[in-house]
Amino acid sequence: MPFATPPFGTTQLSMEDNHRHNEKLEKMIA
């Protein structure tokens, strides 16, 4: 699963929001 791909599509997210979402996923897995 690529972290760069949000589950609800990039068109609904700004790059900043997408970055925060990715950080959340990484902290959950770490």
N, C-alpha and C. Protein backbone atom coordinates (compact mmCIF):
# COMPACT_ATOMS: atom_id res chain seq x y z
N MET A 1 0.85 -1.21 0.00
CA MET A 1 0.00 0.00 0.00
C MET A 1 0.88 1.25 0.00
N PRO A 2 0.79 2.03 -1.05
CA PRO A 2 1.60 3.26 -1.15
C PRO A 2 1.06 4.35 -0.22
N PHE A 3 1.97 4.93 0.57
CA PHE A 3 1.53 5.96 1.51
C PHE A 3 1.10 7.23 0.80
N ALA A 4 1.60 7.44 -0.42
CA ALA A 4 1.32 8.68 -1.14
C ALA A 4 -0.11 8.70 -1.67
N THR A 5 -0.82 7.59 -1.58
CA THR A 5 -2.18 7.53 -2.12
C THR A 5 -3.21 7.51 -1.00
N PRO A 6 -3.91 8.62 -0.79
CA PRO A 6 -4.96 8.67 0.23
C PRO A 6 -6.16 7.84 -0.21
N PRO A 7 -6.92 7.28 0.72
CA PRO A 7 -8.04 6.39 0.38
C PRO A 7 -9.19 7.11 -0.30
N PHE A 8 -9.28 8.43 -0.14
CA PHE A 8 -10.42 9.15 -0.71
C PHE A 8 -10.03 10.05 -1.88
N GLY A 9 -8.83 9.86 -2.42
CA GLY A 9 -8.48 10.57 -3.65
C GLY A 9 -7.76 11.89 -3.42
N THR A 10 -6.75 12.17 -4.25
CA THR A 10 -5.92 13.35 -4.07
C THR A 10 -6.67 14.63 -4.43
N THR A 11 -7.74 14.54 -5.22
CA THR A 11 -8.44 15.74 -5.65
C THR A 11 -9.13 16.42 -4.48
N GLN A 12 -9.43 15.66 -3.41
CA GLN A 12 -10.14 16.23 -2.27
C GLN A 12 -9.18 16.69 -1.17
N LEU A 13 -7.89 16.46 -1.38
CA LEU A 13 -6.90 16.82 -0.37
C LEU A 13 -5.88 17.79 -0.93
N SER A 14 -5.46 18.73 -0.10
CA SER A 14 -4.31 19.54 -0.46
C SER A 14 -3.06 18.73 -0.17
N MET A 15 -1.93 19.15 -0.70
CA MET A 15 -0.69 18.42 -0.47
C MET A 15 -0.35 18.40 1.02
N GLU A 16 -0.66 19.48 1.71
CA GLU A 16 -0.34 19.56 3.15
C GLU A 16 -1.18 18.56 3.93
N ASP A 17 -2.47 18.50 3.64
CA ASP A 17 -3.34 17.55 4.34
C ASP A 17 -2.91 16.12 4.04
N ASN A 18 -2.52 15.87 2.79
CA ASN A 18 -2.07 14.54 2.41
C ASN A 18 -0.83 14.15 3.18
N HIS A 19 0.07 15.12 3.38
CA HIS A 19 1.31 14.85 4.13
C HIS A 19 0.99 14.48 5.57
N ARG A 20 0.08 15.21 6.19
CA ARG A 20 -0.30 14.91 7.57
C ARG A 20 -0.94 13.53 7.66
N HIS A 21 -1.76 13.19 6.67
CA HIS A 21 -2.41 11.88 6.65
C HIS A 21 -1.36 10.78 6.57
N ASN A 22 -0.35 10.98 5.75
CA ASN A 22 0.72 9.98 5.61
C ASN A 22 1.49 9.83 6.91
N GLU A 23 1.73 10.93 7.60
CA GLU A 23 2.47 10.86 8.87
C GLU A 23 1.67 10.06 9.90
N LYS A 24 0.35 10.21 9.91
CA LYS A 24 -0.48 9.44 10.84
C LYS A 24 -0.33 7.95 10.57
N LEU A 25 -0.38 7.57 9.30
CA LEU A 25 -0.26 6.15 8.95
C LEU A 25 1.09 5.61 9.38
N GLU A 26 2.14 6.38 9.15
CA GLU A 26 3.49 5.92 9.50
C GLU A 26 3.63 5.75 11.01
N LYS A 27 3.02 6.64 11.80
CA LYS A 27 3.13 6.53 13.25
C LYS A 27 2.35 5.31 13.75
N MET A 28 1.23 4.99 13.10
CA MET A 28 0.44 3.84 13.50
C MET A 28 1.21 2.54 13.24
N ILE A 29 1.93 2.51 12.13
CA ILE A 29 2.66 1.29 11.74
C ILE A 29 3.98 1.16 12.51
N ALA A 30 4.60 2.30 12.79
CA ALA A 30 5.91 2.27 13.44
C ALA A 30 5.84 1.64 14.83
